[in-house]
Amino acid sequence: MYRALTSSSQALAQRVVRSTLTFTRLSSTDPEAGSVSGQDAFNKREKAEESRWARRFEAEQAEKYRSKSAQSGGQKQASRQSPTGGSNQQRLAELEAEKRRIDQEIADLKRQKR
């Protein structure tokens, strides 16, 4: 018995055929179709690019730090000298003498309280 296809049954038949074709395409037996190896290569390349960027960024940061510390290094040496223009050893001797004088004053004040 032969049945004529109406428009509604024709649309239904097209949907069935389309879904079958789509399913057939998605379930291919080709080992390369949908392979993960392409993604692995992409992930490796992306990771290598990211590490290359990180190394370059760290090198730039280190260079900035070195140049900044070199500039401030000259300023620190100038600030290490005492305001009177003496060297560090002279400044240290002055501070030690001042410390002895303060200690002596403290000892005198303690004696006076007694």
PDB file of N, CA and C in Angstrom:
ATOM      1  N   MET A   1       0.837  -1.149   0.000  1.00  0.00           N
ATOM      2  CA  MET A   1       0.000   0.000   0.000  1.00  0.00           C
ATOM      3  C   MET A   1       0.898   1.233   0.000  1.00  0.00           C
ATOM      4  N   TYR A   2       0.614   2.104  -0.883  1.00  0.00           N
ATOM      5  CA  TYR A   2       1.408   3.323  -1.043  1.00  0.00           C
ATOM      6  C   TYR A   2       0.640   4.499  -0.493  1.00  0.00           C
ATOM      7  N   ARG A   3       1.311   5.286   0.330  1.00  0.00           N
ATOM      8  CA  ARG A   3       0.658   6.428   0.939  1.00  0.00           C
ATOM      9  C   ARG A   3       1.302   7.700   0.415  1.00  0.00           C
ATOM     10  N   ALA A   4       0.532   8.663   0.100  1.00  0.00           N
ATOM     11  CA  ALA A   4       1.049   9.929  -0.402  1.00  0.00           C
ATOM     12  C   ALA A   4       1.531  10.771   0.787  1.00  0.00           C
ATOM     13  N   LEU A   5       2.645  11.435   0.583  1.00  0.00           N
ATOM     14  CA  LEU A   5       3.199  12.287   1.643  1.00  0.00           C
ATOM     15  C   LEU A   5       2.488  13.624   1.652  1.00  0.00           C
ATOM     16  N   THR A   6       1.969  13.971   2.784  1.00  0.00           N
ATOM     17  CA  THR A   6       1.369  15.283   2.932  1.00  0.00           C
ATOM     18  C   THR A   6       2.445  16.239   3.414  1.00  0.00           C
ATOM     19  N   SER A   7       2.127  17.519   3.508  1.00  0.00           N
ATOM     20  CA  SER A   7       3.132  18.499   3.921  1.00  0.00           C
ATOM     21  C   SER A   7       3.583  18.257   5.357  1.00  0.00           C
ATOM     22  N   SER A   8       2.676  17.878   6.239  1.00  0.00           N
ATOM     23  CA  SER A   8       3.067  17.638   7.633  1.00  0.00           C
ATOM     24  C   SER A   8       3.896  16.374   7.755  1.00  0.00           C
ATOM     25  N   SER A   9       3.537  15.339   7.050  1.00  0.00           N
ATOM     26  CA  SER A   9       4.326  14.110   7.128  1.00  0.00           C
ATOM     27  C   SER A   9       5.668  14.289   6.400  1.00  0.00           C
ATOM     28  N   GLN A  10       5.708  15.137   5.399  1.00  0.00           N
ATOM     29  CA  GLN A  10       6.961  15.424   4.700  1.00  0.00           C
ATOM     30  C   GLN A  10       7.929  16.173   5.630  1.00  0.00           C
ATOM     31  N   ALA A  11       7.425  17.142   6.413  1.00  0.00           N
ATOM     32  CA  ALA A  11       8.256  17.873   7.361  1.00  0.00           C
ATOM     33  C   ALA A  11       8.799  16.930   8.430  1.00  0.00           C
ATOM     34  N   LEU A  12       7.953  16.004   8.879  1.00  0.00           N
ATOM     35  CA  LEU A  12       8.389  15.024   9.874  1.00  0.00           C
ATOM     36  C   LEU A  12       9.477  14.130   9.294  1.00  0.00           C
ATOM     37  N   ALA A  13       9.318  13.715   8.079  1.00  0.00           N
ATOM     38  CA  ALA A  13      10.307  12.857   7.430  1.00  0.00           C
ATOM     39  C   ALA A  13      11.636  13.603   7.267  1.00  0.00           C
ATOM     40  N   GLN A  14      11.572  14.891   6.943  1.00  0.00           N
ATOM     41  CA  GLN A  14      12.807  15.678   6.794  1.00  0.00           C
ATOM     42  C   GLN A  14      13.536  15.798   8.130  1.00  0.00           C
ATOM     43  N   ARG A  15      12.781  15.985   9.222  1.00  0.00           N
ATOM     44  CA  ARG A  15      13.401  16.079  10.541  1.00  0.00           C
ATOM     45  C   ARG A  15      14.099  14.775  10.913  1.00  0.00           C
ATOM     46  N   VAL A  16      13.460  13.673  10.630  1.00  0.00           N
ATOM     47  CA  VAL A  16      14.046  12.368  10.947  1.00  0.00           C
ATOM     48  C   VAL A  16      15.312  12.157  10.131  1.00  0.00           C
ATOM     49  N   VAL A  17      15.257  12.476   8.852  1.00  0.00           N
ATOM     50  CA  VAL A  17      16.413  12.296   7.987  1.00  0.00           C
ATOM     51  C   VAL A  17      17.552  13.208   8.425  1.00  0.00           C
ATOM     52  N   ARG A  18      17.257  14.467   8.740  1.00  0.00           N
ATOM     53  CA  ARG A  18      18.293  15.405   9.171  1.00  0.00           C
ATOM     54  C   ARG A  18      18.967  14.930  10.459  1.00  0.00           C
ATOM     55  N   SER A  19      18.158  14.519  11.447  1.00  0.00           N
ATOM     56  CA  SER A  19      18.754  14.084  12.708  1.00  0.00           C
ATOM     57  C   SER A  19      19.587  12.831  12.506  1.00  0.00           C
ATOM     58  N   THR A  20      19.175  11.943  11.613  1.00  0.00           N
ATOM     59  CA  THR A  20      19.945  10.730  11.331  1.00  0.00           C
ATOM     60  C   THR A  20      21.268  11.094  10.668  1.00  0.00           C
ATOM     61  N   LEU A  21      21.235  12.023   9.721  1.00  0.00           N
ATOM     62  CA  LEU A  21      22.463  12.440   9.049  1.00  0.00           C
ATOM     63  C   LEU A  21      23.408  13.130  10.030  1.00  0.00           C
ATOM     64  N   THR A  22      22.859  13.956  10.899  1.00  0.00           N
ATOM     65  CA  THR A  22      23.686  14.645  11.887  1.00  0.00           C
ATOM     66  C   THR A  22      24.333  13.642  12.827  1.00  0.00           C
ATOM     67  N   PHE A  23      23.536  12.670  13.275  1.00  0.00           N
ATOM     68  CA  PHE A  23      24.082  11.653  14.178  1.00  0.00           C
ATOM     69  C   PHE A  23      25.180  10.861  13.486  1.00  0.00           C
ATOM     70  N   THR A  24      24.990  10.549  12.219  1.00  0.00           N
ATOM     71  CA  THR A  24      25.987   9.794  11.471  1.00  0.00           C
ATOM     72  C   THR A  24      27.272  10.594  11.337  1.00  0.00           C
ATOM     73  N   ARG A  25      27.141  11.895  11.091  1.00  0.00           N
ATOM     74  CA  ARG A  25      28.332  12.736  10.972  1.00  0.00           C
ATOM     75  C   ARG A  25      29.070  12.839  12.305  1.00  0.00           C
ATOM     76  N   LEU A  26      28.344  12.944  13.393  1.00  0.00           N
ATOM     77  CA  LEU A  26      28.974  13.103  14.692  1.00  0.00           C
ATOM     78  C   LEU A  26      29.632  11.817  15.176  1.00  0.00           C
ATOM     79  N   SER A  27      29.130  10.689  14.762  1.00  0.00           N
ATOM     80  CA  SER A  27      29.698   9.424  15.221  1.00  0.00           C
ATOM     81  C   SER A  27      30.562   8.808  14.125  1.00  0.00           C
ATOM     82  N   SER A  28      31.488   9.566  13.621  1.00  0.00           N
ATOM     83  CA  SER A  28      32.369   9.106  12.556  1.00  0.00           C
ATOM     84  C   SER A  28      33.371   8.103  13.112  1.00  0.00           C
ATOM     85  N   THR A  29      33.838   7.209  12.266  1.00  0.00           N
ATOM     86  CA  THR A  29      34.835   6.215  12.682  1.00  0.00           C
ATOM     87  C   THR A  29      36.255   6.682  12.362  1.00  0.00           C
ATOM     88  N   ASP A  30      36.392   7.858  11.798  1.00  0.00           N
ATOM     89  CA  ASP A  30      37.712   8.398  11.473  1.00  0.00           C
ATOM     90  C   ASP A  30      38.446   8.738  12.774  1.00  0.00           C
ATOM     91  N   PRO A  31      39.661   8.194  13.002  1.00  0.00           N
ATOM     92  CA  PRO A  31      40.363   8.449  14.259  1.00  0.00           C
ATOM     93  C   PRO A  31      40.788   9.906  14.426  1.00  0.00           C
ATOM     94  N   GLU A  32      40.962  10.644  13.346  1.00  0.00           N
ATOM     95  CA  GLU A  32      41.380  12.037  13.428  1.00  0.00           C
ATOM     96  C   GLU A  32      40.215  12.988  13.679  1.00  0.00           C
ATOM     97  N   ALA A  33      38.991  12.540  13.409  1.00  0.00           N
ATOM     98  CA  ALA A  33      37.836  13.406  13.578  1.00  0.00           C
ATOM     99  C   ALA A  33      37.580  13.628  15.071  1.00  0.00           C
ATOM    100  N   GLY A  34      37.562  14.865  15.490  1.00  0.00           N
ATOM    101  CA  GLY A  34      37.322  15.180  16.894  1.00  0.00           C
ATOM    102  C   GLY A  34      38.456  14.765  17.799  1.00  0.00           C
ATOM    103  N   SER A  35      39.620  14.614  17.252  1.00  0.00           N
ATOM    104  CA  SER A  35      40.763  14.151  18.037  1.00  0.00           C
ATOM    105  C   SER A  35      41.196  15.200  19.046  1.00  0.00           C
ATOM    106  N   VAL A  36      41.735  14.743  20.131  1.00  0.00           N
ATOM    107  CA  VAL A  36      42.205  15.636  21.186  1.00  0.00           C
ATOM    108  C   VAL A  36      43.634  16.076  20.907  1.00  0.00           C
ATOM    109  N   SER A  37      44.315  15.414  20.000  1.00  0.00           N
ATOM    110  CA  SER A  37      45.716  15.746  19.735  1.00  0.00           C
ATOM    111  C   SER A  37      45.871  17.179  19.233  1.00  0.00           C
ATOM    112  N   GLY A  38      44.922  17.667  18.485  1.00  0.00           N
ATOM    113  CA  GLY A  38      44.968  19.056  18.045  1.00  0.00           C
ATOM    114  C   GLY A  38      44.872  20.013  19.213  1.00  0.00           C
ATOM    115  N   GLN A  39      44.050  19.669  20.174  1.00  0.00           N
ATOM    116  CA  GLN A  39      43.915  20.501  21.357  1.00  0.00           C
ATOM    117  C   GLN A  39      45.183  20.449  22.195  1.00  0.00           C
ATOM    118  N   ASP A  40      45.809  19.279  22.288  1.00  0.00           N
ATOM    119  CA  ASP A  40      47.049  19.159  23.065  1.00  0.00           C
ATOM    120  C   ASP A  40      48.139  20.047  22.483  1.00  0.00           C
ATOM    121  N   ALA A  41      48.253  20.041  21.150  1.00  0.00           N
ATOM    122  CA  ALA A  41      49.257  20.884  20.513  1.00  0.00           C
ATOM    123  C   ALA A  41      48.960  22.355  20.777  1.00  0.00           C
ATOM    124  N   PHE A  42      47.705  22.714  20.715  1.00  0.00           N
ATOM    125  CA  PHE A  42      47.319  24.100  20.991  1.00  0.00           C
ATOM    126  C   PHE A  42      47.636  24.465  22.438  1.00  0.00           C
ATOM    127  N   ASN A  43      47.312  23.570  23.365  1.00  0.00           N
ATOM    128  CA  ASN A  43      47.578  23.839  24.782  1.00  0.00           C
ATOM    129  C   ASN A  43      49.069  23.976  25.062  1.00  0.00           C
ATOM    130  N   LYS A  44      49.873  23.122  24.424  1.00  0.00           N
ATOM    131  CA  LYS A  44      51.329  23.212  24.608  1.00  0.00           C
ATOM    132  C   LYS A  44      51.852  24.541  24.081  1.00  0.00           C
ATOM    133  N   ARG A  45      51.377  24.933  22.921  1.00  0.00           N
ATOM    134  CA  ARG A  45      51.837  26.191  22.333  1.00  0.00           C
ATOM    135  C   ARG A  45      51.404  27.382  23.190  1.00  0.00           C
ATOM    136  N   GLU A  46      50.170  27.324  23.679  1.00  0.00           N
ATOM    137  CA  GLU A  46      49.674  28.405  24.518  1.00  0.00           C
ATOM    138  C   GLU A  46      50.482  28.498  25.818  1.00  0.00           C
ATOM    139  N   LYS A  47      50.796  27.352  26.402  1.00  0.00           N
ATOM    140  CA  LYS A  47      51.578  27.345  27.648  1.00  0.00           C
ATOM    141  C   LYS A  47      52.988  27.883  27.404  1.00  0.00           C
ATOM    142  N   ALA A  48      53.587  27.503  26.274  1.00  0.00           N
ATOM    143  CA  ALA A  48      54.927  27.999  25.939  1.00  0.00           C
ATOM    144  C   ALA A  48      54.907  29.510  25.729  1.00  0.00           C
ATOM    145  N   GLU A  49      53.889  29.997  25.063  1.00  0.00           N
ATOM    146  CA  GLU A  49      53.761  31.443  24.831  1.00  0.00           C
ATOM    147  C   GLU A  49      53.577  32.183  26.158  1.00  0.00           C
ATOM    148  N   GLU A  50      52.783  31.603  27.040  1.00  0.00           N
ATOM    149  CA  GLU A  50      52.552  32.226  28.339  1.00  0.00           C
ATOM    150  C   GLU A  50      53.827  32.263  29.178  1.00  0.00           C
ATOM    151  N   SER A  51      54.581  31.176  29.181  1.00  0.00           N
ATOM    152  CA  SER A  51      55.826  31.169  29.956  1.00  0.00           C
ATOM    153  C   SER A  51      56.857  32.117  29.342  1.00  0.00           C
ATOM    154  N   ARG A  52      56.872  32.233  28.017  1.00  0.00           N
ATOM    155  CA  ARG A  52      57.770  33.177  27.361  1.00  0.00           C
ATOM    156  C   ARG A  52      57.423  34.603  27.773  1.00  0.00           C
ATOM    157  N   TRP A  53      56.123  34.916  27.814  1.00  0.00           N
ATOM    158  CA  TRP A  53      55.682  36.244  28.237  1.00  0.00           C
ATOM    159  C   TRP A  53      56.066  36.495  29.691  1.00  0.00           C
ATOM    160  N   ALA A  54      55.881  35.496  30.550  1.00  0.00           N
ATOM    161  CA  ALA A  54      56.192  35.661  31.975  1.00  0.00           C
ATOM    162  C   ALA A  54      57.687  35.915  32.168  1.00  0.00           C
ATOM    163  N   ARG A  55      58.532  35.169  31.448  1.00  0.00           N
ATOM    164  CA  ARG A  55      59.985  35.389  31.562  1.00  0.00           C
ATOM    165  C   ARG A  55      60.363  36.789  31.093  1.00  0.00           C
ATOM    166  N   ARG A  56      59.770  37.230  29.989  1.00  0.00           N
ATOM    167  CA  ARG A  56      60.061  38.567  29.472  1.00  0.00           C
ATOM    168  C   ARG A  56      59.600  39.638  30.466  1.00  0.00           C
ATOM    169  N   PHE A  57      58.422  39.454  31.053  1.00  0.00           N
ATOM    170  CA  PHE A  57      57.893  40.408  32.021  1.00  0.00           C
ATOM    171  C   PHE A  57      58.781  40.471  33.264  1.00  0.00           C
ATOM    172  N   GLU A  58      59.203  39.304  33.772  1.00  0.00           N
ATOM    173  CA  GLU A  58      60.074  39.281  34.951  1.00  0.00           C
ATOM    174  C   GLU A  58      61.421  39.932  34.653  1.00  0.00           C
ATOM    175  N   ALA A  59      61.946  39.722  33.449  1.00  0.00           N
ATOM    176  CA  ALA A  59      63.214  40.347  33.079  1.00  0.00           C
ATOM    177  C   ALA A  59      63.072  41.871  33.035  1.00  0.00           C
ATOM    178  N   GLU A  60      61.950  42.360  32.503  1.00  0.00           N
ATOM    179  CA  GLU A  60      61.720  43.805  32.473  1.00  0.00           C
ATOM    180  C   GLU A  60      61.610  44.367  33.887  1.00  0.00           C
ATOM    181  N   GLN A  61      60.901  43.643  34.757  1.00  0.00           N
ATOM    182  CA  GLN A  61      60.755  44.098  36.138  1.00  0.00           C
ATOM    183  C   GLN A  61      62.098  44.123  36.850  1.00  0.00           C
ATOM    184  N   ALA A  62      62.930  43.090  36.614  1.00  0.00           N
ATOM    185  CA  ALA A  62      64.253  43.043  37.238  1.00  0.00           C
ATOM    186  C   ALA A  62      65.124  44.191  36.737  1.00  0.00           C
ATOM    187  N   GLU A  63      65.030  44.486  35.451  1.00  0.00           N
ATOM    188  CA  GLU A  63      65.811  45.588  34.888  1.00  0.00           C
ATOM    189  C   GLU A  63      65.372  46.924  35.481  1.00  0.00           C
ATOM    190  N   LYS A  64      64.057  47.108  35.631  1.00  0.00           N
ATOM    191  CA  LYS A  64      63.563  48.337  36.253  1.00  0.00           C
ATOM    192  C   LYS A  64      64.079  48.456  37.684  1.00  0.00           C
ATOM    193  N   TYR A  65      64.055  47.335  38.413  1.00  0.00           N
ATOM    194  CA  TYR A  65      64.523  47.354  39.799  1.00  0.00           C
ATOM    195  C   TYR A  65      66.006  47.680  39.866  1.00  0.00           C
ATOM    196  N   ARG A  66      66.780  47.046  38.965  1.00  0.00           N
ATOM    197  CA  ARG A  66      68.234  47.308  38.963  1.00  0.00           C
ATOM    198  C   ARG A  66      68.529  48.767  38.655  1.00  0.00           C
ATOM    199  N   SER A  67      67.866  49.315  37.654  1.00  0.00           N
ATOM    200  CA  SER A  67      68.135  50.712  37.290  1.00  0.00           C
ATOM    201  C   SER A  67      67.678  51.656  38.401  1.00  0.00           C
ATOM    202  N   LYS A  68      66.565  51.326  39.040  1.00  0.00           N
ATOM    203  CA  LYS A  68      66.077  52.158  40.128  1.00  0.00           C
ATOM    204  C   LYS A  68      67.027  52.090  41.333  1.00  0.00           C
ATOM    205  N   SER A  69      67.506  50.879  41.650  1.00  0.00           N
ATOM    206  CA  SER A  69      68.416  50.750  42.789  1.00  0.00           C
ATOM    207  C   SER A  69      69.774  51.363  42.479  1.00  0.00           C
ATOM    208  N   ALA A  70      70.193  51.338  41.222  1.00  0.00           N
ATOM    209  CA  ALA A  70      71.465  51.968  40.851  1.00  0.00           C
ATOM    210  C   ALA A  70      71.356  53.484  41.000  1.00  0.00           C
ATOM    211  N   GLN A  71      70.225  54.043  40.614  1.00  0.00           N
ATOM    212  CA  GLN A  71      70.021  55.482  40.757  1.00  0.00           C
ATOM    213  C   GLN A  71      69.955  55.873  42.227  1.00  0.00           C
ATOM    214  N   SER A  72      69.213  55.101  43.014  1.00  0.00           N
ATOM    215  CA  SER A  72      69.096  55.439  44.430  1.00  0.00           C
ATOM    216  C   SER A  72      70.362  55.073  45.199  1.00  0.00           C
ATOM    217  N   GLY A  73      71.188  54.168  44.648  1.00  0.00           N
ATOM    218  CA  GLY A  73      72.449  53.799  45.297  1.00  0.00           C
ATOM    219  C   GLY A  73      73.385  54.981  45.400  1.00  0.00           C
ATOM    220  N   GLY A  74      73.463  55.800  44.380  1.00  0.00           N
ATOM    221  CA  GLY A  74      74.290  57.001  44.412  1.00  0.00           C
ATOM    222  C   GLY A  74      73.767  57.999  45.421  1.00  0.00           C
ATOM    223  N   GLN A  75      72.460  58.085  45.526  1.00  0.00           N
ATOM    224  CA  GLN A  75      71.866  58.999  46.495  1.00  0.00           C
ATOM    225  C   GLN A  75      72.082  58.501  47.918  1.00  0.00           C
ATOM    226  N   LYS A  76      72.027  57.176  48.126  1.00  0.00           N
ATOM    227  CA  LYS A  76      72.224  56.632  49.466  1.00  0.00           C
ATOM    228  C   LYS A  76      73.643  56.869  49.954  1.00  0.00           C
ATOM    229  N   GLN A  77      74.614  56.725  49.064  1.00  0.00           N
ATOM    230  CA  GLN A  77      76.000  56.959  49.475  1.00  0.00           C
ATOM    231  C   GLN A  77      76.185  58.413  49.901  1.00  0.00           C
ATOM    232  N   ALA A  78      75.554  59.319  49.202  1.00  0.00           N
ATOM    233  CA  ALA A  78      75.670  60.729  49.560  1.00  0.00           C
ATOM    234  C   ALA A  78      74.986  60.994  50.899  1.00  0.00           C
ATOM    235  N   SER A  79      73.886  60.292  51.178  1.00  0.00           N
ATOM    236  CA  SER A  79      73.162  60.522  52.428  1.00  0.00           C
ATOM    237  C   SER A  79      73.852  59.838  53.607  1.00  0.00           C
ATOM    238  N   ARG A  80      74.727  58.867  53.363  1.00  0.00           N
ATOM    239  CA  ARG A  80      75.430  58.190  54.455  1.00  0.00           C
ATOM    240  C   ARG A  80      76.464  59.092  55.119  1.00  0.00           C
ATOM    241  N   GLN A  81      76.937  60.056  54.403  1.00  0.00           N
ATOM    242  CA  GLN A  81      77.901  60.973  54.993  1.00  0.00           C
ATOM    243  C   GLN A  81      77.177  61.902  55.946  1.00  0.00           C
ATOM    244  N   SER A  82      77.853  62.303  56.973  1.00  0.00           N
ATOM    245  CA  SER A  82      77.217  63.167  57.970  1.00  0.00           C
ATOM    246  C   SER A  82      76.982  64.549  57.371  1.00  0.00           C
ATOM    247  N   PRO A  83      76.076  65.301  57.949  1.00  0.00           N
ATOM    248  CA  PRO A  83      75.781  66.631  57.415  1.00  0.00           C
ATOM    249  C   PRO A  83      76.999  67.554  57.458  1.00  0.00           C
ATOM    250  N   THR A  84      77.951  67.271  58.340  1.00  0.00           N
ATOM    251  CA  THR A  84      79.141  68.121  58.423  1.00  0.00           C
ATOM    252  C   THR A  84      80.151  67.768  57.354  1.00  0.00           C
ATOM    253  N   GLY A  85      79.877  66.702  56.567  1.00  0.00           N
ATOM    254  CA  GLY A  85      80.773  66.342  55.472  1.00  0.00           C
ATOM    255  C   GLY A  85      81.773  65.263  55.846  1.00  0.00           C
ATOM    256  N   GLY A  86      81.692  64.653  57.028  1.00  0.00           N
ATOM    257  CA  GLY A  86      82.627  63.620  57.449  1.00  0.00           C
ATOM    258  C   GLY A  86      82.243  62.264  56.896  1.00  0.00           C
ATOM    259  N   SER A  87      83.094  61.294  57.120  1.00  0.00           N
ATOM    260  CA  SER A  87      82.809  59.941  56.645  1.00  0.00           C
ATOM    261  C   SER A  87      81.931  59.217  57.653  1.00  0.00           C
ATOM    262  N   ASN A  88      81.581  58.001  57.334  1.00  0.00           N
ATOM    263  CA  ASN A  88      80.733  57.207  58.216  1.00  0.00           C
ATOM    264  C   ASN A  88      81.418  56.921  59.546  1.00  0.00           C
ATOM    265  N   GLN A  89      82.721  56.661  59.507  1.00  0.00           N
ATOM    266  CA  GLN A  89      83.447  56.360  60.749  1.00  0.00           C
ATOM    267  C   GLN A  89      83.467  57.580  61.678  1.00  0.00           C
ATOM    268  N   GLN A  90      83.638  58.742  61.101  1.00  0.00           N
ATOM    269  CA  GLN A  90      83.621  59.952  61.921  1.00  0.00           C
ATOM    270  C   GLN A  90      82.238  60.171  62.529  1.00  0.00           C
ATOM    271  N   ARG A  91      81.195  59.934  61.726  1.00  0.00           N
ATOM    272  CA  ARG A  91      79.831  60.091  62.211  1.00  0.00           C
ATOM    273  C   ARG A  91      79.547  59.088  63.324  1.00  0.00           C
ATOM    274  N   LEU A  92      80.032  57.877  63.177  1.00  0.00           N
ATOM    275  CA  LEU A  92      79.856  56.856  64.203  1.00  0.00           C
ATOM    276  C   LEU A  92      80.552  57.254  65.500  1.00  0.00           C
ATOM    277  N   ALA A  93      81.753  57.779  65.381  1.00  0.00           N
ATOM    278  CA  ALA A  93      82.484  58.230  66.569  1.00  0.00           C
ATOM    279  C   ALA A  93      81.735  59.361  67.262  1.00  0.00           C
ATOM    280  N   GLU A  94      81.171  60.273  66.497  1.00  0.00           N
ATOM    281  CA  GLU A  94      80.402  61.373  67.077  1.00  0.00           C
ATOM    282  C   GLU A  94      79.179  60.859  67.822  1.00  0.00           C
ATOM    283  N   LEU A  95      78.488  59.895  67.206  1.00  0.00           N
ATOM    284  CA  LEU A  95      77.296  59.344  67.837  1.00  0.00           C
ATOM    285  C   LEU A  95      77.638  58.570  69.111  1.00  0.00           C
ATOM    286  N   GLU A  96      78.737  57.830  69.087  1.00  0.00           N
ATOM    287  CA  GLU A  96      79.146  57.105  70.291  1.00  0.00           C
ATOM    288  C   GLU A  96      79.508  58.069  71.411  1.00  0.00           C
ATOM    289  N   ALA A  97      80.177  59.176  71.087  1.00  0.00           N
ATOM    290  CA  ALA A  97      80.517  60.182  72.094  1.00  0.00           C
ATOM    291  C   ALA A  97      79.243  60.801  72.673  1.00  0.00           C
ATOM    292  N   GLU A  98      78.261  61.059  71.810  1.00  0.00           N
ATOM    293  CA  GLU A  98      77.001  61.613  72.279  1.00  0.00           C
ATOM    294  C   GLU A  98      76.265  60.621  73.173  1.00  0.00           C
ATOM    295  N   LYS A  99      76.332  59.339  72.826  1.00  0.00           N
ATOM    296  CA  LYS A  99      75.697  58.306  73.641  1.00  0.00           C
ATOM    297  C   LYS A  99      76.341  58.251  75.030  1.00  0.00           C
ATOM    298  N   ARG A 100      77.682  58.317  75.082  1.00  0.00           N
ATOM    299  CA  ARG A 100      78.368  58.319  76.380  1.00  0.00           C
ATOM    300  C   ARG A 100      77.959  59.535  77.213  1.00  0.00           C
ATOM    301  N   ARG A 101      77.841  60.677  76.570  1.00  0.00           N
ATOM    302  CA  ARG A 101      77.445  61.891  77.278  1.00  0.00           C
ATOM    303  C   ARG A 101      76.029  61.748  77.842  1.00  0.00           C
ATOM    304  N   ILE A 102      75.103  61.180  77.047  1.00  0.00           N
ATOM    305  CA  ILE A 102      73.733  60.984  77.513  1.00  0.00           C
ATOM    306  C   ILE A 102      73.695  59.980  78.666  1.00  0.00           C
ATOM    307  N   ASP A 103      74.451  58.881  78.527  1.00  0.00           N
ATOM    308  CA  ASP A 103      74.520  57.897  79.613  1.00  0.00           C
ATOM    309  C   ASP A 103      75.042  58.540  80.899  1.00  0.00           C
ATOM    310  N   GLN A 104      76.026  59.408  80.770  1.00  0.00           N
ATOM    311  CA  GLN A 104      76.582  60.102  81.946  1.00  0.00           C
ATOM    312  C   GLN A 104      75.530  61.002  82.584  1.00  0.00           C
ATOM    313  N   GLU A 105      74.756  61.712  81.773  1.00  0.00           N
ATOM    314  CA  GLU A 105      73.695  62.569  82.310  1.00  0.00           C
ATOM    315  C   GLU A 105      72.639  61.750  83.038  1.00  0.00           C
ATOM    316  N   ILE A 106      72.278  60.593  82.476  1.00  0.00           N
ATOM    317  CA  ILE A 106      71.292  59.720  83.117  1.00  0.00           C
ATOM    318  C   ILE A 106      71.808  59.242  84.467  1.00  0.00           C
ATOM    319  N   ALA A 107      73.074  58.848  84.512  1.00  0.00           N
ATOM    320  CA  ALA A 107      73.674  58.396  85.767  1.00  0.00           C
ATOM    321  C   ALA A 107      73.676  59.523  86.799  1.00  0.00           C
ATOM    322  N   ASP A 108      73.986  60.759  86.385  1.00  0.00           N
ATOM    323  CA  ASP A 108      73.984  61.900  87.289  1.00  0.00           C
ATOM    324  C   ASP A 108      72.573  62.157  87.836  1.00  0.00           C
ATOM    325  N   LEU A 109      71.563  62.070  86.977  1.00  0.00           N
ATOM    326  CA  LEU A 109      70.194  62.306  87.410  1.00  0.00           C
ATOM    327  C   LEU A 109      69.737  61.241  88.419  1.00  0.00           C
ATOM    328  N   LYS A 110      70.159  60.003  88.200  1.00  0.00           N
ATOM    329  CA  LYS A 110      69.795  58.918  89.129  1.00  0.00           C
ATOM    330  C   LYS A 110      70.428  59.178  90.492  1.00  0.00           C
ATOM    331  N   ARG A 111      71.680  59.669  90.503  1.00  0.00           N
ATOM    332  CA  ARG A 111      72.359  59.966  91.775  1.00  0.00           C
ATOM    333  C   ARG A 111      71.664  61.100  92.506  1.00  0.00           C
ATOM    334  N   GLN A 112      71.198  62.075  91.764  1.00  0.00           N
ATOM    335  CA  GLN A 112      70.538  63.212  92.387  1.00  0.00           C
ATOM    336  C   GLN A 112      69.221  62.819  93.046  1.00  0.00           C
ATOM    337  N   LYS A 113      68.504  61.847  92.500  1.00  0.00           N
ATOM    338  CA  LYS A 113      67.233  61.405  93.053  1.00  0.00           C
ATOM    339  C   LYS A 113      67.434  60.724  94.401  1.00  0.00           C
ATOM    340  N   ARG A 114      68.561  60.111  94.614  1.00  0.00           N
ATOM    341  CA  ARG A 114      68.788  59.364  95.856  1.00  0.00           C
ATOM    342  C   ARG A 114      69.031  60.247  96.979  1.00  0.00           C
TER     343      ARG A 114
END
